[in-house]
Amino acid sequence: MNTNIIYKLYKLERMLHLLKFPILPRLIYCFIRIFLGAVIPYTAQIGKDTEFLHAGLGVVIHVNAVIGDNVKIMHNVTIGGRGTPKVPVIGNGVFIGTGAIILGDVEIGNNAMIGANAVVIRSVPPNSVVAGVPAKIVRTSVTAGPQNEAV
């Protein structure tokens, strides 16, 4: 399956939402949820060329989340809140590993890498690699962008 099918559907539902079509965005949202196994709300802000690898299986994104350009999101990733109005803001060129959980009022800097199954509850500086539960910085000054998928 095309890795960008969810992104293309998201862009369609987002455009229809911004054009104030009341029902079509919700139908696309339901299609993504039922047939592709992901929760990608049309109210979230997702930047261009974001990829949902493995067809975005199990990905859950908060309705108010902000995700930058050229982000790669593996399967079973959760980007959500912690009971407050503030939600994660993901920078450009970020790689989010399988099973990662990003919660609350955190900012993920540009070109950061989130390791598999990491639980991020604090902000991550740009060009850093974080891993663990809770996530801790394991490397800084990473120069590779989203094309570097090995953590």
C-alpha atoms as a PDB file:
ATOM      1  CA  MET A   1       0.000   0.000   0.000  1.00  0.00           C
ATOM      2  CA  ASN A   2       1.210   3.515  -0.765  1.00  0.00           C
ATOM      3  CA  THR A   3       2.781   4.990   2.380  1.00  0.00           C
ATOM      4  CA  ASN A   4       1.208   8.353   1.653  1.00  0.00           C
ATOM      5  CA  ILE A   5      -2.405   7.189   1.244  1.00  0.00           C
ATOM      6  CA  ILE A   6      -3.289   8.431   4.724  1.00  0.00           C
ATOM      7  CA  TYR A   7      -1.570  11.763   4.107  1.00  0.00           C
ATOM      8  CA  LYS A   8      -3.457  12.211   0.843  1.00  0.00           C
ATOM      9  CA  LEU A   9      -6.738  11.401   2.532  1.00  0.00           C
ATOM     10  CA  TYR A  10      -5.871  13.757   5.397  1.00  0.00           C
ATOM     11  CA  LYS A  11      -5.140  16.592   2.955  1.00  0.00           C
ATOM     12  CA  LEU A  12      -8.497  16.001   1.265  1.00  0.00           C
ATOM     13  CA  GLU A  13     -10.429  15.942   4.548  1.00  0.00           C
ATOM     14  CA  ARG A  14      -8.530  19.020   5.800  1.00  0.00           C
ATOM     15  CA  MET A  15      -9.264  20.971   2.598  1.00  0.00           C
ATOM     16  CA  LEU A  16     -12.952  20.071   2.768  1.00  0.00           C
ATOM     17  CA  HIS A  17     -13.025  21.062   6.454  1.00  0.00           C
ATOM     18  CA  LEU A  18     -11.437  24.447   5.705  1.00  0.00           C
ATOM     19  CA  LEU A  19     -13.953  24.972   2.882  1.00  0.00           C
ATOM     20  CA  LYS A  20     -16.685  24.356   5.494  1.00  0.00           C
ATOM     21  CA  PHE A  21     -18.114  21.153   4.024  1.00  0.00           C
ATOM     22  CA  PRO A  22     -19.788  19.638   7.085  1.00  0.00           C
ATOM     23  CA  ILE A  23     -20.124  15.925   6.307  1.00  0.00           C
ATOM     24  CA  LEU A  24     -17.429  14.878   3.837  1.00  0.00           C
ATOM     25  CA  PRO A  25     -14.432  15.440   6.169  1.00  0.00           C
ATOM     26  CA  ARG A  26     -16.115  13.314   8.831  1.00  0.00           C
ATOM     27  CA  LEU A  27     -16.758  10.513   6.312  1.00  0.00           C
ATOM     28  CA  ILE A  28     -13.105  10.492   5.251  1.00  0.00           C
ATOM     29  CA  TYR A  29     -12.052  10.508   8.920  1.00  0.00           C
ATOM     30  CA  CYS A  30     -14.289   7.480   9.541  1.00  0.00           C
ATOM     31  CA  PHE A  31     -12.899   5.713   6.464  1.00  0.00           C
ATOM     32  CA  ILE A  32      -9.323   6.216   7.708  1.00  0.00           C
ATOM     33  CA  ARG A  33     -10.276   4.996  11.171  1.00  0.00           C
ATOM     34  CA  ILE A  34     -12.230   1.914  10.095  1.00  0.00           C
ATOM     35  CA  PHE A  35     -10.328   0.714   7.037  1.00  0.00           C
ATOM     36  CA  LEU A  36      -6.782   1.916   7.730  1.00  0.00           C
ATOM     37  CA  GLY A  37      -6.743   1.650  11.541  1.00  0.00           C
ATOM     38  CA  ALA A  38      -5.556   5.188  12.262  1.00  0.00           C
ATOM     39  CA  VAL A  39      -7.034   8.250  13.951  1.00  0.00           C
ATOM     40  CA  ILE A  40      -5.994  11.263  11.875  1.00  0.00           C
ATOM     41  CA  PRO A  41      -8.416  14.138  12.565  1.00  0.00           C
ATOM     42  CA  TYR A  42      -8.937  16.830   9.948  1.00  0.00           C
ATOM     43  CA  THR A  43      -8.539  19.510  12.642  1.00  0.00           C
ATOM     44  CA  ALA A  44      -4.901  18.565  13.311  1.00  0.00           C
ATOM     45  CA  GLN A  45      -2.304  20.576  11.412  1.00  0.00           C
ATOM     46  CA  ILE A  46      -0.005  18.238   9.488  1.00  0.00           C
ATOM     47  CA  GLY A  47       2.724  19.688   7.265  1.00  0.00           C
ATOM     48  CA  LYS A  48       3.532  18.803   3.689  1.00  0.00           C
ATOM     49  CA  ASP A  49       5.229  15.553   2.708  1.00  0.00           C
ATOM     50  CA  THR A  50       4.587  13.897   6.052  1.00  0.00           C
ATOM     51  CA  GLU A  51       4.735  10.108   5.732  1.00  0.00           C
ATOM     52  CA  PHE A  52       2.759   7.548   7.686  1.00  0.00           C
ATOM     53  CA  LEU A  53       4.823   4.420   7.196  1.00  0.00           C
ATOM     54  CA  HIS A  54       3.172   0.984   7.276  1.00  0.00           C
ATOM     55  CA  ALA A  55      -0.034   2.705   6.151  1.00  0.00           C
ATOM     56  CA  GLY A  56      -0.233   4.504   9.501  1.00  0.00           C
ATOM     57  CA  LEU A  57      -1.529   1.442  11.290  1.00  0.00           C
ATOM     58  CA  GLY A  58      -2.393   2.291  14.894  1.00  0.00           C
ATOM     59  CA  VAL A  59      -1.415   5.961  14.668  1.00  0.00           C
ATOM     60  CA  VAL A  60      -3.469   8.256  16.928  1.00  0.00           C
ATOM     61  CA  ILE A  61      -3.120  12.033  16.641  1.00  0.00           C
ATOM     62  CA  HIS A  62      -4.777  14.614  18.916  1.00  0.00           C
ATOM     63  CA  VAL A  63      -7.330  16.867  17.223  1.00  0.00           C
ATOM     64  CA  ASN A  64      -5.221  19.984  17.940  1.00  0.00           C
ATOM     65  CA  ALA A  65      -1.742  18.556  17.325  1.00  0.00           C
ATOM     66  CA  VAL A  66       0.676  20.444  15.082  1.00  0.00           C
ATOM     67  CA  ILE A  67       3.069  18.400  12.936  1.00  0.00           C
ATOM     68  CA  GLY A  68       5.695  20.007  10.707  1.00  0.00           C
ATOM     69  CA  ASP A  69       6.853  19.220   7.177  1.00  0.00           C
ATOM     70  CA  ASN A  70       8.700  16.060   6.102  1.00  0.00           C
ATOM     71  CA  VAL A  71       7.926  14.133   9.282  1.00  0.00           C
ATOM     72  CA  LYS A  72       8.077  10.334   9.212  1.00  0.00           C
ATOM     73  CA  ILE A  73       5.694   8.567  11.557  1.00  0.00           C
ATOM     74  CA  MET A  74       5.963   4.827  12.074  1.00  0.00           C
ATOM     75  CA  HIS A  75       3.063   2.604  13.152  1.00  0.00           C
ATOM     76  CA  ASN A  76       1.421   2.566  16.614  1.00  0.00           C
ATOM     77  CA  VAL A  77       2.466   6.142  17.406  1.00  0.00           C
ATOM     78  CA  THR A  78       0.373   8.299  19.748  1.00  0.00           C
ATOM     79  CA  ILE A  79       0.577  12.089  19.669  1.00  0.00           C
ATOM     80  CA  GLY A  80      -1.808  13.390  22.290  1.00  0.00           C
ATOM     81  CA  GLY A  81      -2.635  15.542  25.263  1.00  0.00           C
ATOM     82  CA  ARG A  82      -2.376  15.049  29.000  1.00  0.00           C
ATOM     83  CA  GLY A  83      -5.662  16.570  30.116  1.00  0.00           C
ATOM     84  CA  THR A  84      -4.669  20.170  29.394  1.00  0.00           C
ATOM     85  CA  PRO A  85      -5.544  22.294  26.369  1.00  0.00           C
ATOM     86  CA  LYS A  86      -1.927  22.246  25.173  1.00  0.00           C
ATOM     87  CA  VAL A  87      -0.787  19.452  22.868  1.00  0.00           C
ATOM     88  CA  PRO A  88       2.467  18.424  21.168  1.00  0.00           C
ATOM     89  CA  VAL A  89       4.075  20.529  18.461  1.00  0.00           C
ATOM     90  CA  ILE A  90       6.319  18.465  16.174  1.00  0.00           C
ATOM     91  CA  GLY A  91       9.006  20.292  14.168  1.00  0.00           C
ATOM     92  CA  ASN A  92      10.143  19.697  10.590  1.00  0.00           C
ATOM     93  CA  GLY A  93      12.118  16.624   9.519  1.00  0.00           C
ATOM     94  CA  VAL A  94      11.332  14.637  12.667  1.00  0.00           C
ATOM     95  CA  PHE A  95      11.404  10.833  12.718  1.00  0.00           C
ATOM     96  CA  ILE A  96       9.020   9.157  15.188  1.00  0.00           C
ATOM     97  CA  GLY A  97       9.780   5.480  15.809  1.00  0.00           C
ATOM     98  CA  THR A  98       7.371   2.597  16.195  1.00  0.00           C
ATOM     99  CA  GLY A  99       5.203   2.707  19.308  1.00  0.00           C
ATOM    100  CA  ALA A 100       6.425   6.122  20.438  1.00  0.00           C
ATOM    101  CA  ILE A 101       4.118   8.163  22.651  1.00  0.00           C
ATOM    102  CA  ILE A 102       4.347  11.951  22.685  1.00  0.00           C
ATOM    103  CA  LEU A 103       2.107  13.544  25.301  1.00  0.00           C
ATOM    104  CA  GLY A 104       1.241  16.973  26.577  1.00  0.00           C
ATOM    105  CA  ASP A 105       2.643  20.437  26.122  1.00  0.00           C
ATOM    106  CA  VAL A 106       5.914  19.437  24.460  1.00  0.00           C
ATOM    107  CA  GLU A 107       7.831  20.708  21.467  1.00  0.00           C
ATOM    108  CA  ILE A 108       9.886  18.353  19.331  1.00  0.00           C
ATOM    109  CA  GLY A 109      12.674  20.310  17.630  1.00  0.00           C
ATOM    110  CA  ASN A 110      13.486  20.097  13.932  1.00  0.00           C
ATOM    111  CA  ASN A 111      15.301  16.958  12.757  1.00  0.00           C
ATOM    112  CA  ALA A 112      14.887  15.200  16.096  1.00  0.00           C
ATOM    113  CA  MET A 113      14.533  11.444  16.270  1.00  0.00           C
ATOM    114  CA  ILE A 114      12.190   9.710  18.705  1.00  0.00           C
ATOM    115  CA  GLY A 115      13.196   6.106  19.393  1.00  0.00           C
ATOM    116  CA  ALA A 116      10.853   3.143  19.242  1.00  0.00           C
ATOM    117  CA  ASN A 117       8.520   2.871  22.259  1.00  0.00           C
ATOM    118  CA  ALA A 118       9.846   6.113  23.769  1.00  0.00           C
ATOM    119  CA  VAL A 119       7.463   8.052  26.020  1.00  0.00           C
ATOM    120  CA  VAL A 120       8.074  11.755  25.473  1.00  0.00           C
ATOM    121  CA  ILE A 121       6.676  14.045  28.184  1.00  0.00           C
ATOM    122  CA  ARG A 122       9.335  16.790  27.988  1.00  0.00           C
ATOM    123  CA  SER A 123      10.385  18.930  25.039  1.00  0.00           C
ATOM    124  CA  VAL A 124      13.134  17.619  22.750  1.00  0.00           C
ATOM    125  CA  PRO A 125      15.780  20.019  21.357  1.00  0.00           C
ATOM    126  CA  PRO A 126      16.461  20.150  17.611  1.00  0.00           C
ATOM    127  CA  ASN A 127      18.858  17.573  16.128  1.00  0.00           C
ATOM    128  CA  SER A 128      18.592  15.244  19.122  1.00  0.00           C
ATOM    129  CA  VAL A 129      17.820  11.566  19.566  1.00  0.00           C
ATOM    130  CA  VAL A 130      15.642  10.511  22.505  1.00  0.00           C
ATOM    131  CA  ALA A 131      14.784   7.032  23.739  1.00  0.00           C
ATOM    132  CA  GLY A 132      13.424   5.293  26.803  1.00  0.00           C
ATOM    133  CA  VAL A 133      10.577   5.550  29.277  1.00  0.00           C
ATOM    134  CA  PRO A 134      10.458   8.396  30.037  1.00  0.00           C
ATOM    135  CA  ALA A 135      12.428   9.575  27.011  1.00  0.00           C
ATOM    136  CA  LYS A 136      15.904  10.925  27.654  1.00  0.00           C
ATOM    137  CA  ILE A 137      18.355  12.511  25.245  1.00  0.00           C
ATOM    138  CA  VAL A 138      20.817   9.854  24.092  1.00  0.00           C
ATOM    139  CA  ARG A 139      22.525  11.860  21.368  1.00  0.00           C
ATOM    140  CA  THR A 140      22.745  15.482  20.277  1.00  0.00           C
ATOM    141  CA  SER A 141      23.893  17.261  17.142  1.00  0.00           C
ATOM    142  CA  VAL A 142      22.389  14.683  14.804  1.00  0.00           C
ATOM    143  CA  THR A 143      22.927  16.054  11.311  1.00  0.00           C
ATOM    144  CA  ALA A 144      20.846  13.606   9.299  1.00  0.00           C
ATOM    145  CA  GLY A 145      17.264  14.615   8.575  1.00  0.00           C
ATOM    146  CA  PRO A 146      14.192  12.444   8.132  1.00  0.00           C
ATOM    147  CA  GLN A 147      15.978  10.138   5.700  1.00  0.00           C
ATOM    148  CA  ASN A 148      17.925   8.626   8.622  1.00  0.00           C
ATOM    149  CA  GLU A 149      15.571   6.054  10.073  1.00  0.00           C
ATOM    150  CA  ALA A 150      17.954   4.087  12.278  1.00  0.00           C
ATOM    151  CA  VAL A 151      17.805   4.943  15.946  1.00  0.00           C
END
